[in-house]
C-alpha atoms as a PDB file:
ATOM      1  CA  MET A   1      86.443  26.723  45.187  1.00  0.00           C
ATOM      2  CA  THR A   2      83.884  24.267  46.435  1.00  0.00           C
ATOM      3  CA  MET A   3      84.257  20.864  48.084  1.00  0.00           C
ATOM      4  CA  ASN A   4      81.536  18.415  47.070  1.00  0.00           C
ATOM      5  CA  TYR A   5      80.542  15.470  49.240  1.00  0.00           C
ATOM      6  CA  SER A   6      78.202  12.917  47.831  1.00  0.00           C
ATOM      7  CA  ARG A   7      76.451  11.182  50.747  1.00  0.00           C
ATOM      8  CA  SER A   8      73.744   8.709  51.215  1.00  0.00           C
ATOM      9  CA  LEU A   9      70.638  10.019  53.010  1.00  0.00           C
ATOM     10  CA  ALA A  10      70.415   9.220  56.721  1.00  0.00           C
ATOM     11  CA  PRO A  11      67.108   8.921  58.762  1.00  0.00           C
ATOM     12  CA  VAL A  12      65.443  12.131  59.342  1.00  0.00           C
ATOM     13  CA  PHE A  13      63.802  11.757  62.800  1.00  0.00           C
ATOM     14  CA  PHE A  14      65.607  12.770  66.027  1.00  0.00           C
ATOM     15  CA  SER A  15      64.842  14.035  69.435  1.00  0.00           C
ATOM     16  CA  VAL A  16      64.297  17.747  69.809  1.00  0.00           C
ATOM     17  CA  LEU A  17      66.635  19.822  71.866  1.00  0.00           C
ATOM     18  CA  VAL A  18      64.602  21.740  74.631  1.00  0.00           C
ATOM     19  CA  ALA A  19      66.378  25.214  75.066  1.00  0.00           C
ATOM     20  CA  LEU A  20      65.773  27.246  78.101  1.00  0.00           C
ATOM     21  CA  SER A  21      62.707  26.545  80.281  1.00  0.00           C
ATOM     22  CA  ALA A  22      61.460  30.014  79.492  1.00  0.00           C
ATOM     23  CA  ALA A  23      61.813  29.372  75.772  1.00  0.00           C
ATOM     24  CA  PRO A  24      59.054  28.337  73.254  1.00  0.00           C
ATOM     25  CA  VAL A  25      59.457  24.698  72.314  1.00  0.00           C
ATOM     26  CA  PHE A  26      59.286  23.700  68.766  1.00  0.00           C
ATOM     27  CA  LEU A  27      58.090  20.177  67.836  1.00  0.00           C
ATOM     28  CA  ASN A  28      59.556  20.190  64.231  1.00  0.00           C
ATOM     29  CA  ALA A  29      62.988  19.142  63.387  1.00  0.00           C
ATOM     30  CA  ALA A  30      65.074  18.105  60.301  1.00  0.00           C
ATOM     31  CA  GLU A  31      68.309  16.680  59.174  1.00  0.00           C
ATOM     32  CA  ILE A  32      70.185  18.542  56.391  1.00  0.00           C
ATOM     33  CA  SER A  33      72.496  15.715  54.951  1.00  0.00           C
ATOM     34  CA  ASN A  34      75.761  16.603  53.201  1.00  0.00           C
ATOM     35  CA  PRO A  35      75.282  19.934  51.818  1.00  0.00           C
ATOM     36  CA  THR A  36      77.975  21.421  49.554  1.00  0.00           C
ATOM     37  CA  LEU A  37      80.911  22.742  51.620  1.00  0.00           C
ATOM     38  CA  TYR A  38      83.018  25.832  50.326  1.00  0.00           C
ATOM     39  CA  THR A  39      86.384  27.042  51.478  1.00  0.00           C
ATOM     40  CA  SER A  40      85.403  30.676  51.993  1.00  0.00           C
ATOM     41  CA  MET A  41      82.722  32.758  53.246  1.00  0.00           C
ATOM     42  CA  ASP A  42      80.638  34.977  50.882  1.00  0.00           C
ATOM     43  CA  PRO A  43      79.256  37.891  52.737  1.00  0.00           C
ATOM     44  CA  ASP A  44      78.684  40.363  49.881  1.00  0.00           C
ATOM     45  CA  GLY A  45      75.845  42.029  48.068  1.00  0.00           C
ATOM     46  CA  ALA A  46      73.818  44.528  49.800  1.00  0.00           C
ATOM     47  CA  ARG A  47      74.953  43.734  53.274  1.00  0.00           C
ATOM     48  CA  ASP A  48      77.767  45.717  55.073  1.00  0.00           C
ATOM     49  CA  ILE A  49      79.682  43.551  57.412  1.00  0.00           C
ATOM     50  CA  THR A  50      79.825  45.384  60.740  1.00  0.00           C
ATOM     51  CA  LEU A  51      83.091  44.641  62.758  1.00  0.00           C
ATOM     52  CA  SER A  52      83.543  47.802  64.711  1.00  0.00           C
ATOM     53  CA  ASP A  53      82.132  46.651  68.018  1.00  0.00           C
ATOM     54  CA  ALA A  54      83.120  43.141  67.866  1.00  0.00           C
ATOM     55  CA  SER A  55      86.437  43.779  68.662  1.00  0.00           C
ATOM     56  CA  ASN A  56      87.379  40.377  69.788  1.00  0.00           C
ATOM     57  CA  ALA A  57      86.401  38.871  66.412  1.00  0.00           C
ATOM     58  CA  THR A  58      89.120  36.953  64.473  1.00  0.00           C
ATOM     59  CA  SER A  59      89.049  38.401  60.923  1.00  0.00           C
ATOM     60  CA  GLN A  60      87.264  36.461  58.084  1.00  0.00           C
ATOM     61  CA  ALA A  61      90.713  36.543  56.054  1.00  0.00           C
ATOM     62  CA  THR A  62      92.412  34.906  58.795  1.00  0.00           C
ATOM     63  CA  LEU A  63      89.970  32.007  59.139  1.00  0.00           C
ATOM     64  CA  GLU A  64      89.697  31.553  55.457  1.00  0.00           C
ATOM     65  CA  ALA A  65      93.461  31.052  55.256  1.00  0.00           C
ATOM     66  CA  LEU A  66      93.375  28.016  57.452  1.00  0.00           C
ATOM     67  CA  ASP A  67      93.858  24.799  55.522  1.00  0.00           C
ATOM     68  CA  ASP A  68      90.832  23.056  56.888  1.00  0.00           C
ATOM     69  CA  PHE A  69      88.313  25.857  56.789  1.00  0.00           C
ATOM     70  CA  LEU A  70      84.783  24.897  55.592  1.00  0.00           C
ATOM     71  CA  VAL A  71      81.655  26.810  55.090  1.00  0.00           C
ATOM     72  CA  VAL A  72      77.860  25.798  54.795  1.00  0.00           C
ATOM     73  CA  ARG A  73      76.146  28.269  52.656  1.00  0.00           C
ATOM     74  CA  ASP A  74      72.965  26.518  51.869  1.00  0.00           C
ATOM     75  CA  PHE A  75      70.390  25.177  54.545  1.00  0.00           C
ATOM     76  CA  THR A  76      67.806  23.746  52.105  1.00  0.00           C
ATOM     77  CA  GLY A  77      65.375  21.501  54.136  1.00  0.00           C
ATOM     78  CA  ALA A  78      65.546  23.396  57.553  1.00  0.00           C
ATOM     79  CA  VAL A  79      62.428  23.732  59.381  1.00  0.00           C
ATOM     80  CA  ASP A  80      61.127  25.685  62.648  1.00  0.00           C
ATOM     81  CA  GLY A  81      62.979  24.507  65.553  1.00  0.00           C
ATOM     82  CA  THR A  82      65.985  22.361  65.657  1.00  0.00           C
ATOM     83  CA  ASN A  83      67.979  21.427  62.624  1.00  0.00           C
ATOM     84  CA  VAL A  84      71.002  19.057  62.257  1.00  0.00           C
ATOM     85  CA  VAL A  85      73.610  19.454  59.383  1.00  0.00           C
ATOM     86  CA  SER A  86      75.187  16.086  59.095  1.00  0.00           C
ATOM     87  CA  PHE A  87      78.184  14.646  57.039  1.00  0.00           C
ATOM     88  CA  THR A  88      78.908  11.018  56.205  1.00  0.00           C
ATOM     89  CA  ASP A  89      82.659  12.095  56.194  1.00  0.00           C
ATOM     90  CA  ALA A  90      83.787  11.252  59.810  1.00  0.00           C
ATOM     91  CA  SER A  91      86.603  13.977  59.694  1.00  0.00           C
ATOM     92  CA  VAL A  92      83.846  16.783  59.333  1.00  0.00           C
ATOM     93  CA  PRO A  93      81.869  17.504  62.536  1.00  0.00           C
ATOM     94  CA  ASP A  94      78.062  17.586  62.414  1.00  0.00           C
ATOM     95  CA  ILE A  95      76.225  20.758  63.425  1.00  0.00           C
ATOM     96  CA  GLN A  96      73.176  21.243  65.470  1.00  0.00           C
ATOM     97  CA  ILE A  97      71.295  24.560  65.264  1.00  0.00           C
ATOM     98  CA  SER A  98      68.565  25.150  67.838  1.00  0.00           C
ATOM     99  CA  PHE A  99      66.652  28.277  69.006  1.00  0.00           C
ATOM    100  CA  GLY A 100      65.038  29.416  72.283  1.00  0.00           C
ATOM    101  CA  GLY A 101      64.927  32.580  74.447  1.00  0.00           C
ATOM    102  CA  THR A 102      62.106  34.622  75.921  1.00  0.00           C
ATOM    103  CA  ALA A 103      60.748  36.336  72.908  1.00  0.00           C
ATOM    104  CA  ASN A 104      57.436  35.121  71.339  1.00  0.00           C
ATOM    105  CA  GLY A 105      58.885  32.680  68.628  1.00  0.00           C
ATOM    106  CA  ALA A 106      57.698  32.311  65.193  1.00  0.00           C
ATOM    107  CA  SER A 107      59.487  30.447  62.467  1.00  0.00           C
ATOM    108  CA  SER A 108      62.858  30.337  64.225  1.00  0.00           C
ATOM    109  CA  GLY A 109      64.949  27.689  62.514  1.00  0.00           C
ATOM    110  CA  SER A 110      63.151  27.630  59.205  1.00  0.00           C
ATOM    111  CA  ILE A 111      64.740  28.346  55.877  1.00  0.00           C
ATOM    112  CA  VAL A 112      65.061  31.823  54.614  1.00  0.00           C
ATOM    113  CA  THR A 113      65.938  32.499  50.800  1.00  0.00           C
ATOM    114  CA  ASN A 114      65.245  36.227  50.315  1.00  0.00           C
ATOM    115  CA  SER A 115      68.558  37.880  49.520  1.00  0.00           C
ATOM    116  CA  GLY A 116      68.098  40.606  52.196  1.00  0.00           C
ATOM    117  CA  PHE A 117      68.359  38.043  54.970  1.00  0.00           C
ATOM    118  CA  ILE A 118      71.357  36.055  53.813  1.00  0.00           C
ATOM    119  CA  THR A 119      74.990  36.716  52.856  1.00  0.00           C
ATOM    120  CA  SER A 120      75.726  34.196  50.200  1.00  0.00           C
ATOM    121  CA  ALA A 121      73.830  32.659  47.394  1.00  0.00           C
ATOM    122  CA  GLY A 122      71.533  29.752  48.578  1.00  0.00           C
ATOM    123  CA  SER A 123      69.607  30.014  51.907  1.00  0.00           C
ATOM    124  CA  GLY A 124      69.808  30.867  55.579  1.00  0.00           C
ATOM    125  CA  ILE A 125      68.313  30.024  58.851  1.00  0.00           C
ATOM    126  CA  ARG A 126      65.373  32.202  60.007  1.00  0.00           C
ATOM    127  CA  ALA A 127      65.640  33.858  63.402  1.00  0.00           C
ATOM    128  CA  VAL A 128      62.469  35.905  64.176  1.00  0.00           C
ATOM    129  CA  SER A 129      60.542  37.023  67.186  1.00  0.00           C
ATOM    130  CA  GLY A 130      56.676  36.928  66.761  1.00  0.00           C
ATOM    131  CA  SER A 131      55.894  40.072  68.642  1.00  0.00           C
ATOM    132  CA  ASN A 132      57.006  43.608  69.312  1.00  0.00           C
ATOM    133  CA  ASP A 133      57.672  42.788  73.050  1.00  0.00           C
ATOM    134  CA  ALA A 134      61.135  43.045  74.510  1.00  0.00           C
ATOM    135  CA  GLY A 135      62.962  39.873  75.048  1.00  0.00           C
ATOM    136  CA  THR A 136      65.738  37.567  73.680  1.00  0.00           C
ATOM    137  CA  ILE A 137      66.295  35.267  70.657  1.00  0.00           C
ATOM    138  CA  ILE A 138      68.847  32.616  71.579  1.00  0.00           C
ATOM    139  CA  GLY A 139      70.452  30.582  68.913  1.00  0.00           C
ATOM    140  CA  THR A 140      73.021  27.703  69.663  1.00  0.00           C
ATOM    141  CA  ILE A 141      75.367  26.340  67.075  1.00  0.00           C
ATOM    142  CA  ASP A 142      76.758  23.049  68.529  1.00  0.00           C
ATOM    143  CA  PHE A 143      79.696  21.126  66.926  1.00  0.00           C
ATOM    144  CA  GLY A 144      79.404  17.434  67.679  1.00  0.00           C
ATOM    145  CA  SER A 145      78.368  14.087  66.313  1.00  0.00           C
ATOM    146  CA  TRP A 146      74.894  13.033  64.990  1.00  0.00           C
ATOM    147  CA  SER A 147      74.254   9.306  65.332  1.00  0.00           C
ATOM    148  CA  GLY A 148      71.031   9.412  63.220  1.00  0.00           C
ATOM    149  CA  SER A 149      68.755   9.756  66.424  1.00  0.00           C
ATOM    150  CA  THR A 150      70.757  11.622  68.926  1.00  0.00           C
ATOM    151  CA  PHE A 151      73.358  14.486  68.887  1.00  0.00           C
ATOM    152  CA  ALA A 152      76.458  14.258  71.152  1.00  0.00           C
ATOM    153  CA  SER A 153      77.846  17.834  71.748  1.00  0.00           C
ATOM    154  CA  ASN A 154      80.698  16.814  73.831  1.00  0.00           C
ATOM    155  CA  VAL A 155      82.789  15.465  70.720  1.00  0.00           C
ATOM    156  CA  ASN A 156      84.288  16.695  67.437  1.00  0.00           C
ATOM    157  CA  ALA A 157      85.069  20.227  68.704  1.00  0.00           C
ATOM    158  CA  VAL A 158      86.369  22.655  66.235  1.00  0.00           C
ATOM    159  CA  SER A 159      89.491  25.020  66.108  1.00  0.00           C
ATOM    160  CA  ALA A 160      87.636  27.938  64.388  1.00  0.00           C
ATOM    161  CA  ALA A 161      84.097  28.885  63.911  1.00  0.00           C
ATOM    162  CA  ALA A 162      82.257  31.802  62.226  1.00  0.00           C
ATOM    163  CA  PHE A 163      78.839  32.860  60.924  1.00  0.00           C
ATOM    164  CA  THR A 164      77.005  35.786  59.664  1.00  0.00           C
ATOM    165  CA  LEU A 165      73.664  37.577  60.701  1.00  0.00           C
ATOM    166  CA  SER A 166      71.798  39.836  58.549  1.00  0.00           C
ATOM    167  CA  GLN A 167      68.708  41.554  57.744  1.00  0.00           C
ATOM    168  CA  PRO A 168      67.286  44.537  55.522  1.00  0.00           C
ATOM    169  CA  GLY A 169      66.321  47.200  58.097  1.00  0.00           C
ATOM    170  CA  ARG A 170      64.402  46.615  61.422  1.00  0.00           C
ATOM    171  CA  TRP A 171      67.648  47.374  63.412  1.00  0.00           C
ATOM    172  CA  VAL A 172      65.726  49.754  65.518  1.00  0.00           C
ATOM    173  CA  ARG A 173      64.487  46.780  67.546  1.00  0.00           C
ATOM    174  CA  ILE A 174      67.967  45.482  68.259  1.00  0.00           C
ATOM    175  CA  ASP A 175      69.587  46.730  71.501  1.00  0.00           C
ATOM    176  CA  SER A 176      72.628  44.274  71.104  1.00  0.00           C
ATOM    177  CA  VAL A 177      73.802  41.110  69.494  1.00  0.00           C
ATOM    178  CA  VAL A 178      76.094  38.948  71.682  1.00  0.00           C
ATOM    179  CA  VAL A 179      77.900  35.993  70.714  1.00  0.00           C
ATOM    180  CA  THR A 180      79.733  33.624  72.970  1.00  0.00           C
ATOM    181  CA  PHE A 181      82.177  31.093  71.973  1.00  0.00           C
ATOM    182  CA  LEU A 182      82.271  28.069  74.452  1.00  0.00           C
ATOM    183  CA  GLY A 183      84.690  25.224  74.864  1.00  0.00           C
ATOM    184  CA  ILE A 184      83.971  21.487  74.347  1.00  0.00           C
ATOM    185  CA  ASP A 185      82.329  21.252  77.870  1.00  0.00           C
ATOM    186  CA  ASP A 186      79.866  23.949  76.704  1.00  0.00           C
ATOM    187  CA  SER A 187      80.483  26.048  79.864  1.00  0.00           C
ATOM    188  CA  THR A 188      83.930  27.381  79.521  1.00  0.00           C
ATOM    189  CA  VAL A 189      83.823  30.702  77.746  1.00  0.00           C
ATOM    190  CA  LEU A 190      86.716  31.088  75.336  1.00  0.00           C
ATOM    191  CA  ASN A 191      85.562  34.478  73.593  1.00  0.00           C
ATOM    192  CA  THR A 192      82.616  36.967  73.815  1.00  0.00           C
ATOM    193  CA  GLN A 193      81.873  39.288  70.856  1.00  0.00           C
ATOM    194  CA  THR A 194      79.267  42.133  71.096  1.00  0.00           C
ATOM    195  CA  ILE A 195      77.621  44.511  68.538  1.00  0.00           C
ATOM    196  CA  LEU A 196      75.470  47.153  69.768  1.00  0.00           C
ATOM    197  CA  GLY A 197      72.273  48.366  67.810  1.00  0.00           C
ATOM    198  CA  SER A 198      73.555  51.810  68.398  1.00  0.00           C
ATOM    199  CA  SER A 199      76.531  51.097  66.331  1.00  0.00           C
ATOM    200  CA  ILE A 200      74.310  50.627  63.399  1.00  0.00           C
ATOM    201  CA  THR A 201      73.552  54.370  62.353  1.00  0.00           C
ATOM    202  CA  ASP A 202      71.213  53.383  59.523  1.00  0.00           C
ATOM    203  CA  LYS A 203      68.540  51.340  61.131  1.00  0.00           C
ATOM    204  CA  ASP A 204      66.830  50.853  57.719  1.00  0.00           C
ATOM    205  CA  SER A 205      69.974  49.581  56.095  1.00  0.00           C
ATOM    206  CA  ASN A 206      70.766  46.078  54.813  1.00  0.00           C
ATOM    207  CA  GLN A 207      73.351  45.156  57.239  1.00  0.00           C
ATOM    208  CA  GLY A 208      75.244  41.888  57.738  1.00  0.00           C
ATOM    209  CA  LEU A 209      76.980  41.133  61.144  1.00  0.00           C
ATOM    210  CA  TYR A 210      80.020  38.895  61.179  1.00  0.00           C
ATOM    211  CA  PHE A 211      81.196  36.840  64.033  1.00  0.00           C
ATOM    212  CA  GLY A 212      84.174  34.567  64.037  1.00  0.00           C
ATOM    213  CA  TYR A 213      86.811  33.045  66.420  1.00  0.00           C
ATOM    214  CA  LYS A 214      89.951  30.986  66.081  1.00  0.00           C
ATOM    215  CA  ALA A 215      90.809  29.081  69.239  1.00  0.00           C
ATOM    216  CA  GLY A 216      94.011  29.825  71.002  1.00  0.00           C
ATOM    217  CA  SER A 217      96.614  27.147  72.012  1.00  0.00           C
ATOM    218  CA  GLY A 218      94.993  24.453  74.105  1.00  0.00           C
ATOM    219  CA  GLU A 219      91.545  25.486  73.284  1.00  0.00           C
ATOM    220  CA  ALA A 220      88.741  23.860  71.365  1.00  0.00           C
ATOM    221  CA  ILE A 221      85.281  25.265  70.392  1.00  0.00           C
ATOM    222  CA  GLY A 222      82.268  23.088  71.258  1.00  0.00           C
ATOM    223  CA  SER A 223      79.524  25.720  70.444  1.00  0.00           C
ATOM    224  CA  ALA A 224      78.615  29.398  69.664  1.00  0.00           C
ATOM    225  CA  VAL A 225      75.747  30.899  71.399  1.00  0.00           C
ATOM    226  CA  LEU A 226      73.997  34.067  69.619  1.00  0.00           C
ATOM    227  CA  THR A 227      71.885  36.166  71.940  1.00  0.00           C
ATOM    228  CA  VAL A 228      69.908  38.813  70.319  1.00  0.00           C
ATOM    229  CA  ASN A 229      68.434  41.401  72.777  1.00  0.00           C
ATOM    230  CA  LEU A 230      65.291  43.041  71.689  1.00  0.00           C
ATOM    231  CA  ASN A 231      63.557  46.261  72.768  1.00  0.00           C
ATOM    232  CA  ASP A 232      59.969  46.995  72.842  1.00  0.00           C
ATOM    233  CA  VAL A 233      59.871  49.738  70.309  1.00  0.00           C
ATOM    234  CA  VAL A 234      56.746  49.313  68.172  1.00  0.00           C
ATOM    235  CA  THR A 235      57.208  48.963  64.572  1.00  0.00           C
ATOM    236  CA  GLY A 236      55.216  47.680  61.632  1.00  0.00           C
ATOM    237  CA  ASP A 237      57.499  44.661  61.472  1.00  0.00           C
ATOM    238  CA  ASN A 238      58.645  42.080  63.828  1.00  0.00           C
ATOM    239  CA  PRO A 239      62.378  41.391  64.114  1.00  0.00           C
ATOM    240  CA  LEU A 240      63.501  38.932  61.345  1.00  0.00           C
ATOM    241  CA  MET A 241      67.166  38.072  60.685  1.00  0.00           C
ATOM    242  CA  GLY A 242      69.120  35.474  58.680  1.00  0.00           C
ATOM    243  CA  LEU A 243      71.813  33.172  60.204  1.00  0.00           C
ATOM    244  CA  ASP A 244      74.049  32.234  57.293  1.00  0.00           C
ATOM    245  CA  ASP A 245      77.660  31.166  56.327  1.00  0.00           C
ATOM    246  CA  ILE A 246      78.141  28.930  59.192  1.00  0.00           C
ATOM    247  CA  SER A 247      81.827  28.066  59.113  1.00  0.00           C
ATOM    248  CA  PHE A 248      84.346  25.946  60.972  1.00  0.00           C
ATOM    249  CA  ALA A 249      87.753  24.372  61.057  1.00  0.00           C
ATOM    250  CA  ALA A 250      87.736  20.664  62.222  1.00  0.00           C
ATOM    251  CA  ILE A 251      90.320  19.443  64.726  1.00  0.00           C
ATOM    252  CA  PRO A 252      92.212  16.455  63.437  1.00  0.00           C
ATOM    253  CA  GLU A 253      90.999  13.029  64.595  1.00  0.00           C
ATOM    254  CA  PRO A 254      92.870  11.542  67.484  1.00  0.00           C
ATOM    255  CA  ALA A 255      94.005   8.664  65.130  1.00  0.00           C
ATOM    256  CA  THR A 256      95.397  11.181  62.787  1.00  0.00           C
ATOM    257  CA  SER A 257      97.305  13.015  65.425  1.00  0.00           C
ATOM    258  CA  VAL A 258      98.729   9.700  66.815  1.00  0.00           C
ATOM    259  CA  SER A 259      99.692   8.693  63.278  1.00  0.00           C
ATOM    260  CA  LEU A 260     101.583  11.947  62.892  1.00  0.00           C
ATOM    261  CA  LEU A 261     103.203  11.536  66.230  1.00  0.00           C
ATOM    262  CA  GLY A 262     104.148   8.009  65.327  1.00  0.00           C
ATOM    263  CA  GLY A 263     105.713   9.214  62.051  1.00  0.00           C
ATOM    264  CA  MET A 264     107.837  11.922  63.897  1.00  0.00           C
ATOM    265  CA  VAL A 265     109.209   9.217  66.402  1.00  0.00           C
ATOM    266  CA  LEU A 266     110.160   6.922  63.571  1.00  0.00           C
ATOM    267  CA  LEU A 267     112.055   9.787  61.759  1.00  0.00           C
ATOM    268  CA  MET A 268     113.725  10.747  64.891  1.00  0.00           C
ATOM    269  CA  SER A 269     114.713   7.074  65.710  1.00  0.00           C
ATOM    270  CA  VAL A 270     116.149   6.804  62.121  1.00  0.00           C
ATOM    271  CA  ALA A 271     118.039  10.108  62.521  1.00  0.00           C
ATOM    272  CA  MET A 272     119.489   8.769  65.853  1.00  0.00           C
ATOM    273  CA  ARG A 273     120.635   5.563  64.281  1.00  0.00           C
ATOM    274  CA  ARG A 274     122.316   7.108  61.405  1.00  0.00           C
ATOM    275  CA  ARG A 275     124.322   9.352  64.152  1.00  0.00           C
END
C-alpha cells in the first residue's frame, strides 16, 4: 500500500547544519520535496537484516502495525552534505539528514542507487569515509519543521522511528554501529542500540542492519544519531554504506488532541445529563 502526496515545490536553498567541530563541513544542501510515502519498510533482496546485537530494537513488525507509520524509500535529489525531506502536509514531520564525524568525508549525504547499498527499490543516502584511517561517521536524522529556509528541530517529534543501513561487504572496517534515539530536546537519551562488527561473521556478505524504536509512555523522539566506528584495517575499498527506509510515526497535532479531548468531555456531559 502506498500513500501519495502531491505537493508544490518549495524553495531549495537553506542554511547548512554544521555538525561537530572536528567534522568535515559540506557546502552542498538540497530539499527533497514530498516523496511518496509507504506504510511498510522493505528490507529484502540480498541483505540479511541483523538484529542479534541490537537487543533494544523495537521489531519492524511492531512499528509497521502502527496506524500512522510512514516510510521514505526514495531519496532522489539528495546531495553531499545536509538534506531535508519536506512535506506540505502539516501532519507529517519534515526530516533533516546530516553527516559529520572525524573520518575523512567523501560523498556523505549524496544519493546511492546501487542495490547492494539499499534495502528497498528506489534510492538511499550515501554514508562513506574517504580514507582507510580509523574514525567515525556520524549521521543525524532530525524530525522537525522546515520553513523553506531554516529547520526547527524542537518541534514535530515522533512516537516511533526506524531505518536501515546496508552494504555489500567491507564489514571488516566496521568496529561497531551505535544508534541513539533522543528526546525532543535532542539531549535526553531514550534508547541505544548497538551492532558489533564482530557479530557479522561473513565480512564480505551483503548485510543490512535494522534499527527501530517505539517511544514509551510520556516519551517523544526528536532525533536518531547514527555513529559508525571505523578501524584502520587497510583494504582496497573505503567504507561505504547506504542509509535507507527512514520511517516514523507522527504524534498527533496538539489541536487534534484538544479536539479529541473536547469530544470526550462532550460525550461525558451528555451521559451525565441523561443520568
